[in-house]
Amino acid sequence: MCSCLYFTSNKLNRILNKMAEEEFLKTGLSPSHALTLMNINYQAGLSQKELSQIMNIKPSTTTRFIDKLEGRGLVERKIKGKLSYLYPTKKGIDLQKEIDKCWGSLHQRYSEVLGREEGVKLTELIDKTASELEKHIS
């Protein structure tokens, strides 16, 4: 299976996901929820549609993430017409320092294994590959 990109990339995803979940335990958020909050903290007023595009996830997934964050008092929706805009609460903004530390710890953790430069190269290659493959799906 190591010669199959599909299985190899899924293996890498499972390993990185486990590492990320361990790092984000202290926030009480999953890495995906933390990334969602981070995007809202840094770009207050995003529409849910824009957030879905930025995170490259389906609108229904974005809605679930926002519901969870809103339920925890970390974000709020403001409806204008047919669109929903997202804003962090004070509690959400206050959590950003801890989220940043977790991302830094995760980066440090895999960089210690791969090497900082190799980690950057691998990330760039995976991003380039994903973008290229995305052009060829329906």
N, C-alpha and C. Protein backbone atom coordinates (compact mmCIF):
# COMPACT_ATOMS: atom_id res chain seq x y z
N MET A 1 0.81 -1.21 0.00
CA MET A 1 0.00 0.00 0.00
C MET A 1 0.85 1.27 0.00
N CYS A 2 2.12 1.17 0.33
CA CYS A 2 2.94 2.38 0.42
C CYS A 2 3.18 3.03 -0.94
N SER A 3 2.84 2.34 -2.02
CA SER A 3 3.02 2.94 -3.34
C SER A 3 1.72 3.60 -3.83
N CYS A 4 0.69 3.59 -3.00
CA CYS A 4 -0.61 4.17 -3.36
C CYS A 4 -0.78 5.51 -2.65
N LEU A 5 -0.89 6.56 -3.43
CA LEU A 5 -1.04 7.91 -2.87
C LEU A 5 -2.26 8.00 -1.96
N TYR A 6 -3.35 7.37 -2.35
CA TYR A 6 -4.57 7.43 -1.55
C TYR A 6 -4.33 6.88 -0.14
N PHE A 7 -3.81 5.67 -0.04
CA PHE A 7 -3.61 5.06 1.28
C PHE A 7 -2.51 5.76 2.07
N THR A 8 -1.46 6.17 1.37
CA THR A 8 -0.36 6.85 2.05
C THR A 8 -0.79 8.21 2.61
N SER A 9 -1.57 8.95 1.82
CA SER A 9 -2.02 10.26 2.30
C SER A 9 -3.01 10.11 3.45
N ASN A 10 -3.84 9.08 3.41
CA ASN A 10 -4.75 8.83 4.53
C ASN A 10 -3.99 8.44 5.80
N LYS A 11 -2.93 7.67 5.63
CA LYS A 11 -2.10 7.29 6.78
C LYS A 11 -1.48 8.55 7.40
N LEU A 12 -0.93 9.41 6.57
CA LEU A 12 -0.34 10.66 7.04
C LEU A 12 -1.41 11.51 7.74
N ASN A 13 -2.58 11.59 7.15
CA ASN A 13 -3.67 12.36 7.75
C ASN A 13 -4.04 11.84 9.13
N ARG A 14 -4.14 10.53 9.28
CA ARG A 14 -4.49 9.95 10.59
C ARG A 14 -3.43 10.27 11.64
N ILE A 15 -2.17 10.18 11.26
CA ILE A 15 -1.07 10.46 12.19
C ILE A 15 -1.07 11.93 12.60
N LEU A 16 -1.17 12.83 11.61
CA LEU A 16 -1.18 14.27 11.92
C LEU A 16 -2.42 14.65 12.72
N ASN A 17 -3.54 14.02 12.41
CA ASN A 17 -4.77 14.31 13.15
C ASN A 17 -4.62 13.92 14.61
N LYS A 18 -4.02 12.77 14.86
CA LYS A 18 -3.81 12.32 16.24
C LYS A 18 -2.89 13.30 16.98
N MET A 19 -1.82 13.71 16.33
CA MET A 19 -0.91 14.67 16.94
C MET A 19 -1.63 15.99 17.23
N ALA A 20 -2.41 16.46 16.27
CA ALA A 20 -3.12 17.73 16.43
C ALA A 20 -4.14 17.64 17.56
N GLU A 21 -4.88 16.55 17.62
CA GLU A 21 -5.87 16.38 18.68
C GLU A 21 -5.21 16.40 20.06
N GLU A 22 -4.04 15.78 20.16
CA GLU A 22 -3.30 15.80 21.42
C GLU A 22 -2.88 17.22 21.79
N GLU A 23 -2.42 17.99 20.82
CA GLU A 23 -1.97 19.35 21.08
C GLU A 23 -3.13 20.27 21.47
N PHE A 24 -4.30 20.06 20.88
CA PHE A 24 -5.43 20.96 21.11
C PHE A 24 -6.30 20.58 22.29
N LEU A 25 -5.97 19.50 22.98
CA LEU A 25 -6.74 19.10 24.15
C LEU A 25 -6.92 20.24 25.14
N LYS A 26 -5.86 21.00 25.34
CA LYS A 26 -5.90 22.08 26.35
C LYS A 26 -6.88 23.20 26.00
N THR A 27 -7.29 23.31 24.73
CA THR A 27 -8.24 24.35 24.34
C THR A 27 -9.68 23.89 24.51
N GLY A 28 -9.86 22.58 24.57
CA GLY A 28 -11.21 22.04 24.62
C GLY A 28 -11.87 22.02 23.26
N LEU A 29 -11.09 22.32 22.22
CA LEU A 29 -11.60 22.33 20.84
C LEU A 29 -10.86 21.29 20.01
N SER A 30 -11.53 20.78 19.00
CA SER A 30 -10.83 19.94 18.03
C SER A 30 -9.98 20.87 17.16
N PRO A 31 -8.98 20.33 16.48
CA PRO A 31 -8.18 21.18 15.59
C PRO A 31 -9.05 21.89 14.53
N SER A 32 -10.06 21.21 14.02
CA SER A 32 -10.94 21.83 13.01
C SER A 32 -11.74 22.99 13.58
N HIS A 33 -12.24 22.82 14.79
CA HIS A 33 -12.97 23.90 15.44
C HIS A 33 -12.03 25.06 15.76
N ALA A 34 -10.83 24.75 16.19
CA ALA A 34 -9.85 25.79 16.49
C ALA A 34 -9.49 26.58 15.22
N LEU A 35 -9.33 25.88 14.11
CA LEU A 35 -9.02 26.55 12.84
C LEU A 35 -10.19 27.44 12.42
N THR A 36 -11.40 26.95 12.62
CA THR A 36 -12.59 27.75 12.29
C THR A 36 -12.60 29.03 13.12
N LEU A 37 -12.40 28.89 14.42
CA LEU A 37 -12.38 30.07 15.30
C LEU A 37 -11.25 31.02 14.92
N MET A 38 -10.10 30.48 14.60
CA MET A 38 -8.97 31.31 14.22
C MET A 38 -9.31 32.15 12.99
N ASN A 39 -9.93 31.53 11.99
CA ASN A 39 -10.32 32.28 10.79
C ASN A 39 -11.30 33.39 11.13
N ILE A 40 -12.25 33.12 12.02
CA ILE A 40 -13.23 34.13 12.41
C ILE A 40 -12.56 35.23 13.23
N ASN A 41 -11.65 34.85 14.12
CA ASN A 41 -10.93 35.85 14.92
C ASN A 41 -10.12 36.78 14.03
N TYR A 42 -9.47 36.24 13.01
CA TYR A 42 -8.61 37.05 12.17
C TYR A 42 -9.35 37.79 11.06
N GLN A 43 -10.59 37.34 10.76
CA GLN A 43 -11.36 37.97 9.68
C GLN A 43 -12.82 38.15 10.13
N ALA A 44 -13.01 38.85 11.22
CA ALA A 44 -14.36 39.05 11.76
C ALA A 44 -15.27 39.62 10.67
N GLY A 45 -16.48 39.09 10.62
CA GLY A 45 -17.44 39.55 9.63
C GLY A 45 -17.50 38.70 8.38
N LEU A 46 -16.74 37.60 8.37
CA LEU A 46 -16.82 36.67 7.24
C LEU A 46 -18.22 36.11 7.13
N SER A 47 -18.65 35.87 5.91
CA SER A 47 -19.91 35.14 5.76
C SER A 47 -19.60 33.65 5.90
N GLN A 48 -20.64 32.87 6.21
CA GLN A 48 -20.42 31.42 6.30
C GLN A 48 -19.94 30.87 4.97
N LYS A 49 -20.44 31.42 3.88
CA LYS A 49 -20.01 30.98 2.54
C LYS A 49 -18.52 31.24 2.34
N GLU A 50 -18.06 32.42 2.72
CA GLU A 50 -16.64 32.75 2.59
C GLU A 50 -15.79 31.82 3.45
N LEU A 51 -16.25 31.55 4.66
CA LEU A 51 -15.51 30.65 5.55
C LEU A 51 -15.40 29.25 4.95
N SER A 52 -16.48 28.76 4.37
CA SER A 52 -16.46 27.45 3.71
C SER A 52 -15.42 27.42 2.60
N GLN A 53 -15.36 28.49 1.83
CA GLN A 53 -14.39 28.56 0.73
C GLN A 53 -12.96 28.61 1.25
N ILE A 54 -12.72 29.41 2.27
CA ILE A 54 -11.38 29.54 2.86
C ILE A 54 -10.90 28.20 3.40
N MET A 55 -11.80 27.48 4.09
CA MET A 55 -11.42 26.22 4.72
C MET A 55 -11.57 25.03 3.78
N ASN A 56 -12.13 25.27 2.60
CA ASN A 56 -12.33 24.22 1.61
C ASN A 56 -13.18 23.07 2.18
N ILE A 57 -14.29 23.46 2.82
CA ILE A 57 -15.22 22.48 3.37
C ILE A 57 -16.63 22.81 2.91
N LYS A 58 -17.51 21.82 3.00
CA LYS A 58 -18.89 22.01 2.57
C LYS A 58 -19.62 22.95 3.53
N PRO A 59 -20.59 23.70 3.00
CA PRO A 59 -21.36 24.60 3.86
C PRO A 59 -22.02 23.90 5.05
N SER A 60 -22.46 22.66 4.87
CA SER A 60 -23.09 21.94 5.98
C SER A 60 -22.08 21.67 7.10
N THR A 61 -20.84 21.41 6.73
CA THR A 61 -19.78 21.20 7.73
C THR A 61 -19.50 22.51 8.45
N THR A 62 -19.45 23.59 7.69
CA THR A 62 -19.23 24.91 8.30
C THR A 62 -20.33 25.21 9.30
N THR A 63 -21.57 24.92 8.94
CA THR A 63 -22.69 25.16 9.84
C THR A 63 -22.54 24.38 11.13
N ARG A 64 -22.14 23.11 11.04
CA ARG A 64 -21.93 22.30 12.25
C ARG A 64 -20.83 22.89 13.12
N PHE A 65 -19.73 23.31 12.50
CA PHE A 65 -18.63 23.91 13.25
C PHE A 65 -19.09 25.19 13.96
N ILE A 66 -19.82 26.04 13.24
CA ILE A 66 -20.29 27.30 13.81
C ILE A 66 -21.29 27.05 14.93
N ASP A 67 -22.18 26.07 14.73
CA ASP A 67 -23.14 25.73 15.78
C ASP A 67 -22.42 25.37 17.08
N LYS A 68 -21.37 24.57 16.95
CA LYS A 68 -20.60 24.14 18.13
C LYS A 68 -19.92 25.35 18.80
N LEU A 69 -19.27 26.18 18.00
CA LEU A 69 -18.57 27.35 18.55
C LEU A 69 -19.55 28.35 19.15
N GLU A 70 -20.68 28.52 18.50
CA GLU A 70 -21.69 29.43 19.02
C GLU A 70 -22.26 28.90 20.33
N GLY A 71 -22.49 27.60 20.40
CA GLY A 71 -22.98 26.97 21.61
C GLY A 71 -22.04 27.13 22.79
N ARG A 72 -20.75 27.23 22.50
CA ARG A 72 -19.75 27.41 23.55
C ARG A 72 -19.48 28.89 23.84
N GLY A 73 -20.20 29.76 23.16
CA GLY A 73 -20.06 31.19 23.41
C GLY A 73 -18.80 31.79 22.82
N LEU A 74 -18.27 31.18 21.77
CA LEU A 74 -17.01 31.65 21.17
C LEU A 74 -17.23 32.51 19.92
N VAL A 75 -18.35 32.32 19.25
CA VAL A 75 -18.67 33.11 18.06
C VAL A 75 -20.16 33.45 18.09
N GLU A 76 -20.50 34.45 17.29
CA GLU A 76 -21.91 34.79 17.12
C GLU A 76 -22.19 35.05 15.65
N ARG A 77 -23.41 34.73 15.26
CA ARG A 77 -23.87 34.99 13.90
C ARG A 77 -24.68 36.29 13.90
N LYS A 78 -24.49 37.05 12.83
CA LYS A 78 -25.33 38.22 12.62
C LYS A 78 -25.93 38.06 11.23
N ILE A 79 -27.25 38.01 11.19
CA ILE A 79 -27.95 37.79 9.93
C ILE A 79 -28.25 39.13 9.27
N LYS A 80 -27.87 39.24 8.01
CA LYS A 80 -28.18 40.43 7.20
C LYS A 80 -28.76 39.92 5.89
N GLY A 81 -30.05 40.09 5.75
CA GLY A 81 -30.71 39.56 4.56
C GLY A 81 -30.70 38.04 4.61
N LYS A 82 -30.21 37.44 3.55
CA LYS A 82 -30.15 35.98 3.48
C LYS A 82 -28.81 35.43 3.96
N LEU A 83 -27.88 36.32 4.26
CA LEU A 83 -26.54 35.87 4.62
C LEU A 83 -26.30 35.95 6.12
N SER A 84 -25.43 35.07 6.57
CA SER A 84 -25.05 35.00 7.97
C SER A 84 -23.57 35.38 8.07
N TYR A 85 -23.27 36.37 8.91
CA TYR A 85 -21.90 36.82 9.09
C TYR A 85 -21.41 36.41 10.48
N LEU A 86 -20.13 36.12 10.57
CA LEU A 86 -19.56 35.51 11.78
C LEU A 86 -18.61 36.46 12.48
N TYR A 87 -18.79 36.54 13.80
CA TYR A 87 -17.97 37.42 14.62
C TYR A 87 -17.53 36.66 15.88
N PRO A 88 -16.30 36.89 16.30
CA PRO A 88 -15.86 36.27 17.55
C PRO A 88 -16.43 37.01 18.74
N THR A 89 -16.65 36.30 19.81
CA THR A 89 -17.01 36.94 21.08
C THR A 89 -15.71 37.25 21.82
N LYS A 90 -15.81 37.94 22.92
CA LYS A 90 -14.62 38.20 23.73
C LYS A 90 -13.98 36.88 24.15
N LYS A 91 -14.81 35.94 24.54
CA LYS A 91 -14.31 34.62 24.95
C LYS A 91 -13.55 33.94 23.80
N GLY A 92 -14.07 34.07 22.58
CA GLY A 92 -13.40 33.50 21.41
C GLY A 92 -12.06 34.17 21.13
N ILE A 93 -12.05 35.49 21.25
CA ILE A 93 -10.80 36.24 21.04
C ILE A 93 -9.78 35.88 22.11
N ASP A 94 -10.24 35.75 23.35
CA ASP A 94 -9.34 35.42 24.45
C ASP A 94 -8.69 34.04 24.29
N LEU A 95 -9.35 33.14 23.59
CA LEU A 95 -8.82 31.79 23.38
C LEU A 95 -7.75 31.75 22.28
N GLN A 96 -7.63 32.83 21.49
CA GLN A 96 -6.72 32.82 20.34
C GLN A 96 -5.26 32.59 20.74
N LYS A 97 -4.80 33.16 21.83
CA LYS A 97 -3.40 32.96 22.24
C LYS A 97 -3.10 31.49 22.47
N GLU A 98 -4.03 30.79 23.10
CA GLU A 98 -3.86 29.36 23.36
C GLU A 98 -3.90 28.57 22.05
N ILE A 99 -4.77 28.97 21.14
CA ILE A 99 -4.85 28.31 19.83
C ILE A 99 -3.53 28.49 19.09
N ASP A 100 -2.99 29.70 19.10
CA ASP A 100 -1.71 29.96 18.44
C ASP A 100 -0.60 29.09 19.04
N LYS A 101 -0.60 28.96 20.37
CA LYS A 101 0.41 28.11 21.03
C LYS A 101 0.27 26.66 20.57
N CYS A 102 -0.96 26.20 20.45
CA CYS A 102 -1.19 24.81 20.01
C CYS A 102 -0.69 24.58 18.59
N TRP A 103 -0.99 25.52 17.68
CA TRP A 103 -0.49 25.39 16.31
C TRP A 103 1.04 25.38 16.31
N GLY A 104 1.63 26.25 17.12
CA GLY A 104 3.09 26.30 17.23
C GLY A 104 3.66 25.00 17.77
N SER A 105 3.01 24.44 18.79
CA SER A 105 3.46 23.17 19.37
C SER A 105 3.36 22.03 18.36
N LEU A 106 2.25 22.02 17.60
CA LEU A 106 2.09 20.98 16.58
C LEU A 106 3.19 21.10 15.53
N HIS A 107 3.43 22.32 15.07
CA HIS A 107 4.47 22.55 14.07
C HIS A 107 5.83 22.12 14.61
N GLN A 108 6.11 22.50 15.83
CA GLN A 108 7.38 22.13 16.47
C GLN A 108 7.52 20.61 16.57
N ARG A 109 6.44 19.97 16.94
CA ARG A 109 6.45 18.52 17.15
C ARG A 109 6.77 17.76 15.87
N TYR A 110 6.11 18.11 14.76
CA TYR A 110 6.43 17.37 13.54
C TYR A 110 7.73 17.85 12.91
N SER A 111 8.12 19.09 13.19
CA SER A 111 9.40 19.59 12.67
C SER A 111 10.58 18.89 13.33
N GLU A 112 10.42 18.52 14.60
CA GLU A 112 11.49 17.80 15.29
C GLU A 112 11.73 16.43 14.66
N VAL A 113 10.70 15.86 14.08
CA VAL A 113 10.82 14.55 13.44
C VAL A 113 11.28 14.71 11.99
N LEU A 114 10.63 15.60 11.25
CA LEU A 114 10.91 15.74 9.82
C LEU A 114 12.06 16.69 9.51
N GLY A 115 12.31 17.63 10.42
CA GLY A 115 13.20 18.74 10.13
C GLY A 115 12.34 19.91 9.67
N ARG A 116 12.67 21.09 10.13
CA ARG A 116 11.85 22.27 9.82
C ARG A 116 11.75 22.51 8.31
N GLU A 117 12.89 22.49 7.64
CA GLU A 117 12.90 22.76 6.20
C GLU A 117 12.16 21.68 5.42
N GLU A 118 12.36 20.43 5.81
CA GLU A 118 11.66 19.32 5.13
C GLU A 118 10.16 19.41 5.35
N GLY A 119 9.74 19.82 6.54
CA GLY A 119 8.32 19.99 6.82
C GLY A 119 7.69 21.05 5.93
N VAL A 120 8.41 22.16 5.75
CA VAL A 120 7.93 23.23 4.87
C VAL A 120 7.83 22.73 3.44
N LYS A 121 8.87 22.04 2.97
CA LYS A 121 8.87 21.51 1.60
C LYS A 121 7.72 20.53 1.39
N LEU A 122 7.52 19.64 2.35
CA LEU A 122 6.46 18.65 2.24
C LEU A 122 5.09 19.34 2.21
N THR A 123 4.90 20.33 3.07
CA THR A 123 3.63 21.07 3.10
C THR A 123 3.37 21.74 1.76
N GLU A 124 4.39 22.38 1.21
CA GLU A 124 4.25 23.05 -0.09
C GLU A 124 3.94 22.04 -1.19
N LEU A 125 4.60 20.89 -1.18
CA LEU A 125 4.37 19.87 -2.19
C LEU A 125 2.95 19.30 -2.09
N ILE A 126 2.50 19.04 -0.87
CA ILE A 126 1.15 18.50 -0.68
C ILE A 126 0.12 19.52 -1.14
N ASP A 127 0.32 20.80 -0.80
CA ASP A 127 -0.61 21.85 -1.22
C ASP A 127 -0.66 21.96 -2.74
N LYS A 128 0.50 21.96 -3.36
CA LYS A 128 0.58 22.04 -4.83
C LYS A 128 -0.11 20.83 -5.47
N THR A 129 0.14 19.66 -4.92
CA THR A 129 -0.46 18.43 -5.44
C THR A 129 -1.98 18.47 -5.30
N ALA A 130 -2.46 18.87 -4.13
CA ALA A 130 -3.90 18.95 -3.90
C ALA A 130 -4.55 19.93 -4.86
N SER A 131 -3.93 21.08 -5.06
CA SER A 131 -4.47 22.09 -5.98
C SER A 131 -4.53 21.55 -7.41
N GLU A 132 -3.51 20.83 -7.80
CA GLU A 132 -3.47 20.28 -9.15
C GLU A 132 -4.53 19.19 -9.33
N LEU A 133 -4.64 18.31 -8.36
CA LEU A 133 -5.64 17.24 -8.45
C LEU A 133 -7.06 17.78 -8.39
N GLU A 134 -7.25 18.86 -7.64
CA GLU A 134 -8.58 19.46 -7.49
C GLU A 134 -9.13 19.95 -8.83
N LYS A 135 -8.23 20.35 -9.72
CA LYS A 135 -8.65 20.82 -11.05
C LYS A 135 -9.29 19.71 -11.88
N HIS A 136 -9.05 18.47 -11.48
CA HIS A 136 -9.48 17.33 -12.30
C HIS A 136 -10.59 16.51 -11.65
N ILE A 137 -11.30 17.10 -10.69
CA ILE A 137 -12.44 16.40 -10.12
C ILE A 137 -13.71 17.18 -10.41
N SER A 138 -14.80 16.48 -10.38
CA SER A 138 -16.07 17.16 -10.71
C SER A 138 -16.75 17.67 -9.48
